[in-house]
PDB file of all heavy atoms in Angstrom:
ATOM      1  N   SER A   1      73.266  50.057  56.319  1.00  0.00           N
ATOM      2  CA  SER A   1      73.526  48.645  56.886  1.00  0.00           C
ATOM      3  C   SER A   1      74.059  47.705  55.835  1.00  0.00           C
ATOM      4  O   SER A   1      74.827  46.762  56.130  1.00  0.00           O
ATOM      5  CB  SER A   1      72.293  48.138  57.428  1.00  0.00           C
ATOM      6  OG  SER A   1      71.142  47.901  56.458  1.00  0.00           O
ATOM      7  N   ALA A   2      73.771  47.925  54.546  1.00  0.00           N
ATOM      8  CA  ALA A   2      74.201  46.976  53.536  1.00  0.00           C
ATOM      9  C   ALA A   2      75.756  47.196  53.376  1.00  0.00           C
ATOM     10  O   ALA A   2      76.503  46.247  53.296  1.00  0.00           O
ATOM     11  CB  ALA A   2      73.731  47.454  52.207  1.00  0.00           C
ATOM     12  N   ILE A   3      76.211  48.458  53.587  1.00  0.00           N
ATOM     13  CA  ILE A   3      77.736  48.758  53.518  1.00  0.00           C
ATOM     14  C   ILE A   3      78.426  48.283  54.893  1.00  0.00           C
ATOM     15  O   ILE A   3      79.314  47.593  54.868  1.00  0.00           O
ATOM     16  CB  ILE A   3      77.995  50.270  53.258  1.00  0.00           C
ATOM     17  CG1 ILE A   3      77.399  50.638  51.984  1.00  0.00           C
ATOM     18  CG2 ILE A   3      79.357  50.636  53.532  1.00  0.00           C
ATOM     19  CD1 ILE A   3      77.401  52.104  51.734  1.00  0.00           C
ATOM     20  N   LEU A   4      77.690  48.543  55.995  1.00  0.00           N
ATOM     21  CA  LEU A   4      78.277  48.082  57.266  1.00  0.00           C
ATOM     22  C   LEU A   4      78.354  46.685  57.433  1.00  0.00           C
ATOM     23  O   LEU A   4      79.242  46.299  58.135  1.00  0.00           O
ATOM     24  CB  LEU A   4      77.468  48.860  58.340  1.00  0.00           C
ATOM     25  CG  LEU A   4      77.533  50.297  58.466  1.00  0.00           C
ATOM     26  CD1 LEU A   4      76.661  50.672  59.593  1.00  0.00           C
ATOM     27  CD2 LEU A   4      78.940  50.820  58.774  1.00  0.00           C
ATOM     28  N   ALA A   5      77.456  45.934  56.787  1.00  0.00           N
ATOM     29  CA  ALA A   5      77.410  44.524  57.098  1.00  0.00           C
ATOM     30  C   ALA A   5      78.562  43.736  56.153  1.00  0.00           C
ATOM     31  O   ALA A   5      78.618  42.568  56.289  1.00  0.00           O
ATOM     32  CB  ALA A   5      76.122  44.036  56.753  1.00  0.00           C
ATOM     33  N   ALA A   6      79.176  44.442  55.280  1.00  0.00           N
ATOM     34  CA  ALA A   6      80.193  43.747  54.463  1.00  0.00           C
ATOM     35  C   ALA A   6      81.221  43.202  55.389  1.00  0.00           C
ATOM     36  O   ALA A   6      81.715  43.770  56.409  1.00  0.00           O
ATOM     37  CB  ALA A   6      80.755  44.614  53.495  1.00  0.00           C
ATOM     38  N   MET A   7      81.863  42.131  55.038  1.00  0.00           N
ATOM     39  CA  MET A   7      82.797  41.385  55.934  1.00  0.00           C
ATOM     40  C   MET A   7      84.228  41.593  55.180  1.00  0.00           C
ATOM     41  O   MET A   7      84.393  41.785  53.994  1.00  0.00           O
ATOM     42  CB  MET A   7      82.650  39.868  55.742  1.00  0.00           C
ATOM     43  CG  MET A   7      83.613  39.087  56.829  1.00  0.00           C
ATOM     44  SD  MET A   7      83.293  37.299  56.893  1.00  0.00           S
ATOM     45  CE  MET A   7      81.569  37.213  57.262  1.00  0.00           C
ATOM     46  N   SER A   8      85.207  41.907  56.039  1.00  0.00           N
ATOM     47  CA  SER A   8      86.544  42.197  55.734  1.00  0.00           C
ATOM     48  C   SER A   8      87.163  41.011  55.041  1.00  0.00           C
ATOM     49  O   SER A   8      86.698  39.897  55.137  1.00  0.00           O
ATOM     50  CB  SER A   8      87.364  42.644  56.884  1.00  0.00           C
ATOM     51  OG  SER A   8      87.745  41.530  57.621  1.00  0.00           O
ATOM     52  N   ASP A   9      88.290  41.320  54.440  1.00  0.00           N
ATOM     53  CA  ASP A   9      89.167  40.295  53.833  1.00  0.00           C
ATOM     54  C   ASP A   9      89.784  39.602  55.140  1.00  0.00           C
ATOM     55  O   ASP A   9      89.782  40.105  56.221  1.00  0.00           O
ATOM     56  CB  ASP A   9      90.251  40.824  53.022  1.00  0.00           C
ATOM     57  CG  ASP A   9      89.748  41.421  51.692  1.00  0.00           C
ATOM     58  OD1 ASP A   9      88.685  40.952  51.252  1.00  0.00           O
ATOM     59  OD2 ASP A   9      90.478  42.314  51.214  1.00  0.00           O
ATOM     60  N   THR A  10      90.346  38.251  54.856  1.00  0.00           N
ATOM     61  CA  THR A  10      90.965  37.588  55.900  1.00  0.00           C
ATOM     62  C   THR A  10      92.210  38.243  56.250  1.00  0.00           C
ATOM     63  O   THR A  10      93.060  38.696  55.394  1.00  0.00           O
ATOM     64  CB  THR A  10      91.186  36.176  55.405  1.00  0.00           C
ATOM     65  OG1 THR A  10      90.055  35.504  54.979  1.00  0.00           O
ATOM     66  CG2 THR A  10      91.951  35.281  56.403  1.00  0.00           C
ATOM     67  N   LYS A  11      92.507  38.277  57.546  1.00  0.00           N
ATOM     68  CA  LYS A  11      93.689  38.986  58.048  1.00  0.00           C
ATOM     69  C   LYS A  11      94.352  37.942  58.955  1.00  0.00           C
ATOM     70  O   LYS A  11      93.732  37.079  59.548  1.00  0.00           O
ATOM     71  CB  LYS A  11      93.387  40.107  58.769  1.00  0.00           C
ATOM     72  CG  LYS A  11      92.677  41.285  58.125  1.00  0.00           C
ATOM     73  CD  LYS A  11      92.274  42.454  58.846  1.00  0.00           C
ATOM     74  CE  LYS A  11      91.557  43.456  57.991  1.00  0.00           C
ATOM     75  NZ  LYS A  11      90.988  44.633  58.747  1.00  0.00           N
ATOM     76  N   ASP A  12      95.782  37.984  59.118  1.00  0.00           N
ATOM     77  CA  ASP A  12      96.483  37.179  60.002  1.00  0.00           C
ATOM     78  C   ASP A  12      96.206  37.644  61.439  1.00  0.00           C
ATOM     79  O   ASP A  12      95.857  38.784  61.823  1.00  0.00           O
ATOM     80  CB  ASP A  12      97.949  37.282  59.852  1.00  0.00           C
ATOM     81  CG  ASP A  12      98.377  36.596  58.547  1.00  0.00           C
ATOM     82  OD1 ASP A  12      97.683  35.707  58.011  1.00  0.00           O
ATOM     83  OD2 ASP A  12      99.371  37.180  57.995  1.00  0.00           O
ATOM     84  N   GLY A  13      96.114  36.660  62.316  1.00  0.00           N
ATOM     85  CA  GLY A  13      95.845  36.903  63.778  1.00  0.00           C
ATOM     86  C   GLY A  13      96.888  37.858  64.354  1.00  0.00           C
ATOM     87  O   GLY A  13      97.980  37.865  63.872  1.00  0.00           O
ATOM     88  N   ASP A  14      96.453  38.763  65.278  1.00  0.00           N
ATOM     89  CA  ASP A  14      97.374  39.851  65.759  1.00  0.00           C
ATOM     90  C   ASP A  14      97.081  39.794  67.241  1.00  0.00           C
ATOM     91  O   ASP A  14      96.392  38.978  67.715  1.00  0.00           O
ATOM     92  CB  ASP A  14      97.306  41.149  65.108  1.00  0.00           C
ATOM     93  CG  ASP A  14      95.666  41.593  65.189  1.00  0.00           C
ATOM     94  OD1 ASP A  14      94.948  41.156  66.066  1.00  0.00           O
ATOM     95  OD2 ASP A  14      95.287  42.502  64.422  1.00  0.00           O
ATOM     96  N   GLU A  15      97.875  40.644  67.915  1.00  0.00           N
ATOM     97  CA  GLU A  15      97.721  40.802  69.412  1.00  0.00           C
ATOM     98  C   GLU A  15      96.305  41.054  69.913  1.00  0.00           C
ATOM     99  O   GLU A  15      95.880  40.451  70.821  1.00  0.00           O
ATOM    100  CB  GLU A  15      98.718  41.851  69.937  1.00  0.00           C
ATOM    101  CG  GLU A  15      98.821  41.841  71.387  1.00  0.00           C
ATOM    102  CD  GLU A  15      99.823  42.892  71.899  1.00  0.00           C
ATOM    103  OE1 GLU A  15     100.878  42.970  71.281  1.00  0.00           O
ATOM    104  OE2 GLU A  15      99.565  43.462  72.889  1.00  0.00           O
ATOM    105  N   GLU A  16      95.672  41.994  69.307  1.00  0.00           N
ATOM    106  CA  GLU A  16      94.269  42.316  69.575  1.00  0.00           C
ATOM    107  C   GLU A  16      93.426  41.171  69.423  1.00  0.00           C
ATOM    108  O   GLU A  16      92.527  40.922  70.378  1.00  0.00           O
ATOM    109  CB  GLU A  16      93.799  43.541  68.773  1.00  0.00           C
ATOM    110  CG  GLU A  16      92.312  44.032  69.024  1.00  0.00           C
ATOM    111  CD  GLU A  16      91.824  45.000  68.274  1.00  0.00           C
ATOM    112  OE1 GLU A  16      92.654  45.620  67.442  1.00  0.00           O
ATOM    113  OE2 GLU A  16      90.628  45.414  68.392  1.00  0.00           O
ATOM    114  N   THR A  17      93.419  40.462  68.345  1.00  0.00           N
ATOM    115  CA  THR A  17      92.668  39.271  68.095  1.00  0.00           C
ATOM    116  C   THR A  17      92.908  38.165  69.220  1.00  0.00           C
ATOM    117  O   THR A  17      92.008  37.444  69.681  1.00  0.00           O
ATOM    118  CB  THR A  17      92.761  38.756  66.766  1.00  0.00           C
ATOM    119  OG1 THR A  17      92.503  39.818  65.810  1.00  0.00           O
ATOM    120  CG2 THR A  17      91.716  37.627  66.409  1.00  0.00           C
ATOM    121  N   GLN A  18      94.161  38.023  69.519  1.00  0.00           N
ATOM    122  CA  GLN A  18      94.467  37.043  70.424  1.00  0.00           C
ATOM    123  C   GLN A  18      93.935  37.398  71.874  1.00  0.00           C
ATOM    124  O   GLN A  18      93.494  36.633  72.496  1.00  0.00           O
ATOM    125  CB  GLN A  18      95.996  36.824  70.563  1.00  0.00           C
ATOM    126  CG  GLN A  18      96.627  35.772  71.553  1.00  0.00           C
ATOM    127  CD  GLN A  18      96.041  34.456  71.158  1.00  0.00           C
ATOM    128  OE1 GLN A  18      96.148  33.956  70.071  1.00  0.00           O
ATOM    129  NE2 GLN A  18      95.290  33.655  72.172  1.00  0.00           N
ATOM    130  N   GLN A  19      93.972  38.681  72.182  1.00  0.00           N
ATOM    131  CA  GLN A  19      93.403  39.152  73.475  1.00  0.00           C
ATOM    132  C   GLN A  19      91.890  38.766  73.513  1.00  0.00           C
ATOM    133  O   GLN A  19      91.401  38.264  74.583  1.00  0.00           O
ATOM    134  CB  GLN A  19      93.640  40.559  73.683  1.00  0.00           C
ATOM    135  CG  GLN A  19      95.045  40.949  74.042  1.00  0.00           C
ATOM    136  CD  GLN A  19      95.262  42.490  74.065  1.00  0.00           C
ATOM    137  OE1 GLN A  19      94.447  43.342  73.897  1.00  0.00           O
ATOM    138  NE2 GLN A  19      96.480  42.802  74.469  1.00  0.00           N
ATOM    139  N   ILE A  20      91.263  39.007  72.407  1.00  0.00           N
ATOM    140  CA  ILE A  20      89.704  38.650  72.324  1.00  0.00           C
ATOM    141  C   ILE A  20      89.594  37.083  72.554  1.00  0.00           C
ATOM    142  O   ILE A  20      88.783  36.655  73.324  1.00  0.00           O
ATOM    143  CB  ILE A  20      89.182  39.124  70.997  1.00  0.00           C
ATOM    144  CG1 ILE A  20      89.241  40.547  70.971  1.00  0.00           C
ATOM    145  CG2 ILE A  20      87.811  38.511  70.797  1.00  0.00           C
ATOM    146  CD1 ILE A  20      88.888  41.262  69.594  1.00  0.00           C
ATOM    147  N   CYS A  21      90.492  36.342  71.892  1.00  0.00           N
ATOM    148  CA  CYS A  21      90.345  34.851  72.039  1.00  0.00           C
ATOM    149  C   CYS A  21      90.688  34.516  73.668  1.00  0.00           C
ATOM    150  O   CYS A  21      89.961  33.633  74.107  1.00  0.00           O
ATOM    151  CB  CYS A  21      91.391  34.158  71.270  1.00  0.00           C
ATOM    152  SG  CYS A  21      91.005  34.081  69.478  1.00  0.00           S
ATOM    153  N   ASN A  22      91.592  35.106  74.223  1.00  0.00           N
ATOM    154  CA  ASN A  22      91.896  34.949  75.516  1.00  0.00           C
ATOM    155  C   ASN A  22      90.656  35.203  76.460  1.00  0.00           C
ATOM    156  O   ASN A  22      90.477  34.473  77.494  1.00  0.00           O
ATOM    157  CB  ASN A  22      93.114  35.676  76.016  1.00  0.00           C
ATOM    158  CG  ASN A  22      94.388  35.187  75.478  1.00  0.00           C
ATOM    159  OD1 ASN A  22      94.496  34.153  74.756  1.00  0.00           O
ATOM    160  ND2 ASN A  22      95.365  36.084  75.449  1.00  0.00           N
ATOM    161  N   GLN A  23      89.903  36.201  76.174  1.00  0.00           N
ATOM    162  CA  GLN A  23      88.769  36.672  76.889  1.00  0.00           C
ATOM    163  C   GLN A  23      87.575  35.690  76.802  1.00  0.00           C
ATOM    164  O   GLN A  23      86.849  35.565  77.798  1.00  0.00           O
ATOM    165  CB  GLN A  23      88.287  37.974  76.391  1.00  0.00           C
ATOM    166  CG  GLN A  23      89.294  39.148  76.952  1.00  0.00           C
ATOM    167  CD  GLN A  23      88.904  40.471  76.307  1.00  0.00           C
ATOM    168  OE1 GLN A  23      87.910  40.590  75.629  1.00  0.00           O
ATOM    169  NE2 GLN A  23      89.603  41.486  76.610  1.00  0.00           N
ATOM    170  N   VAL A  24      87.435  34.984  75.583  1.00  0.00           N
ATOM    171  CA  VAL A  24      86.372  34.046  75.431  1.00  0.00           C
ATOM    172  C   VAL A  24      86.676  32.595  75.572  1.00  0.00           C
ATOM    173  O   VAL A  24      85.911  31.833  75.567  1.00  0.00           O
ATOM    174  CB  VAL A  24      85.644  34.182  74.058  1.00  0.00           C
ATOM    175  CG1 VAL A  24      85.138  35.736  73.916  1.00  0.00           C
ATOM    176  CG2 VAL A  24      86.497  33.976  72.938  1.00  0.00           C
TER     177      VAL A  24
END
């Protein structure tokens, strides 16, 4: 869980992230 809980680096918004935003 310590490894899994690490946060990624910042990435630019993409189509998949925009779709998630549209859903919420």
